[in-house]
Amino acid sequence: MTLSVAFTTFGYKIYFQKKYNLINGFEEAYKAGRKTKQYAKRVGLAEFIIGINLILFGICITIIK
């Protein structure tokens, strides 16, 4: 459950609050032209979705036990 909260939190901050500095090395790669803001948004959305799925999985496991 802790991992799912971390994924959801970081995904939310990256995707919705645009805190791209949470992605390791993104700012340097962005300045060098290797990464785009679209890449950062995809990473944030992926983390957010994975986090929500892990939370739902954790809740289901907790209910079943």
C-alpha atoms as a PDB file:
ATOM      1  CA  MET A   1       0.000   0.000   0.000  1.00  0.00           C
ATOM      2  CA  THR A   2       2.876   2.385   0.720  1.00  0.00           C
ATOM      3  CA  LEU A   3       4.254   1.913  -2.767  1.00  0.00           C
ATOM      4  CA  SER A   4       0.862   2.617  -4.303  1.00  0.00           C
ATOM      5  CA  VAL A   5       0.502   5.862  -2.360  1.00  0.00           C
ATOM      6  CA  ALA A   6       3.986   6.922  -3.484  1.00  0.00           C
ATOM      7  CA  PHE A   7       3.224   6.178  -7.147  1.00  0.00           C
ATOM      8  CA  THR A   8      -0.089   8.007  -6.981  1.00  0.00           C
ATOM      9  CA  THR A   9       1.406  11.025  -5.229  1.00  0.00           C
ATOM     10  CA  PHE A  10       4.345  11.390  -7.598  1.00  0.00           C
ATOM     11  CA  GLY A  11       2.160  10.787 -10.635  1.00  0.00           C
ATOM     12  CA  TYR A  12      -0.288  13.435  -9.461  1.00  0.00           C
ATOM     13  CA  LYS A  13       2.438  15.970  -8.816  1.00  0.00           C
ATOM     14  CA  ILE A  14       4.114  15.349 -12.168  1.00  0.00           C
ATOM     15  CA  TYR A  15       0.985  15.174 -14.332  1.00  0.00           C
ATOM     16  CA  PHE A  16      -1.370  17.686 -12.747  1.00  0.00           C
ATOM     17  CA  GLN A  17       0.961  20.088 -10.913  1.00  0.00           C
ATOM     18  CA  LYS A  18       3.694  19.950 -13.594  1.00  0.00           C
ATOM     19  CA  LYS A  19       6.552  19.325 -11.155  1.00  0.00           C
ATOM     20  CA  TYR A  20       8.842  17.835 -13.770  1.00  0.00           C
ATOM     21  CA  ASN A  21      11.870  18.104 -11.492  1.00  0.00           C
ATOM     22  CA  LEU A  22      10.625  14.918  -9.757  1.00  0.00           C
ATOM     23  CA  ILE A  23      11.789  12.954 -12.816  1.00  0.00           C
ATOM     24  CA  ASN A  24      15.483  12.168 -12.467  1.00  0.00           C
ATOM     25  CA  GLY A  25      17.586  14.121 -14.944  1.00  0.00           C
ATOM     26  CA  PHE A  26      14.599  15.554 -16.808  1.00  0.00           C
ATOM     27  CA  GLU A  27      15.564  19.207 -16.590  1.00  0.00           C
ATOM     28  CA  GLU A  28      19.035  18.604 -18.031  1.00  0.00           C
ATOM     29  CA  ALA A  29      17.644  16.358 -20.772  1.00  0.00           C
ATOM     30  CA  TYR A  30      14.924  18.920 -21.543  1.00  0.00           C
ATOM     31  CA  LYS A  31      17.477  21.698 -21.914  1.00  0.00           C
ATOM     32  CA  ALA A  32      19.591  19.459 -24.156  1.00  0.00           C
ATOM     33  CA  GLY A  33      16.533  18.660 -26.282  1.00  0.00           C
ATOM     34  CA  ARG A  34      16.493  14.922 -25.535  1.00  0.00           C
ATOM     35  CA  LYS A  35      13.172  14.945 -23.631  1.00  0.00           C
ATOM     36  CA  THR A  36       9.953  16.923 -24.073  1.00  0.00           C
ATOM     37  CA  LYS A  37       7.185  18.028 -21.746  1.00  0.00           C
ATOM     38  CA  GLN A  38       4.941  15.477 -23.444  1.00  0.00           C
ATOM     39  CA  TYR A  39       7.337  12.774 -22.220  1.00  0.00           C
ATOM     40  CA  ALA A  40       7.082  14.101 -18.677  1.00  0.00           C
ATOM     41  CA  LYS A  41       3.283  14.133 -18.842  1.00  0.00           C
ATOM     42  CA  ARG A  42       3.250  10.503 -20.052  1.00  0.00           C
ATOM     43  CA  VAL A  43       5.550   9.464 -17.202  1.00  0.00           C
ATOM     44  CA  GLY A  44       3.347  11.258 -14.673  1.00  0.00           C
ATOM     45  CA  LEU A  45       0.160   9.736 -16.074  1.00  0.00           C
ATOM     46  CA  ALA A  46       1.693   6.254 -16.111  1.00  0.00           C
ATOM     47  CA  GLU A  47       2.784   6.569 -12.477  1.00  0.00           C
ATOM     48  CA  PHE A  48      -0.629   7.914 -11.492  1.00  0.00           C
ATOM     49  CA  ILE A  49      -2.480   5.047 -13.182  1.00  0.00           C
ATOM     50  CA  ILE A  50      -0.123   2.416 -11.756  1.00  0.00           C
ATOM     51  CA  GLY A  51      -0.572   3.922  -8.294  1.00  0.00           C
ATOM     52  CA  ILE A  52      -4.361   3.846  -8.515  1.00  0.00           C
ATOM     53  CA  ASN A  53      -4.280   0.235  -9.747  1.00  0.00           C
ATOM     54  CA  LEU A  54      -2.014  -0.776  -6.863  1.00  0.00           C
ATOM     55  CA  ILE A  55      -4.301   0.962  -4.364  1.00  0.00           C
ATOM     56  CA  LEU A  56      -7.315  -0.898  -5.748  1.00  0.00           C
ATOM     57  CA  PHE A  57      -5.380  -4.179  -5.679  1.00  0.00           C
ATOM     58  CA  GLY A  58      -4.344  -3.553  -2.062  1.00  0.00           C
ATOM     59  CA  ILE A  59      -7.914  -2.782  -1.028  1.00  0.00           C
ATOM     60  CA  CYS A  60      -9.165  -5.951  -2.741  1.00  0.00           C
ATOM     61  CA  ILE A  61      -6.522  -8.082  -1.017  1.00  0.00           C
ATOM     62  CA  THR A  62      -7.346  -6.492   2.330  1.00  0.00           C
ATOM     63  CA  ILE A  63     -11.067  -7.205   1.892  1.00  0.00           C
ATOM     64  CA  ILE A  64     -10.485 -10.797   0.801  1.00  0.00           C
ATOM     65  CA  LYS A  65      -8.273 -11.576   3.790  1.00  0.00           C
END
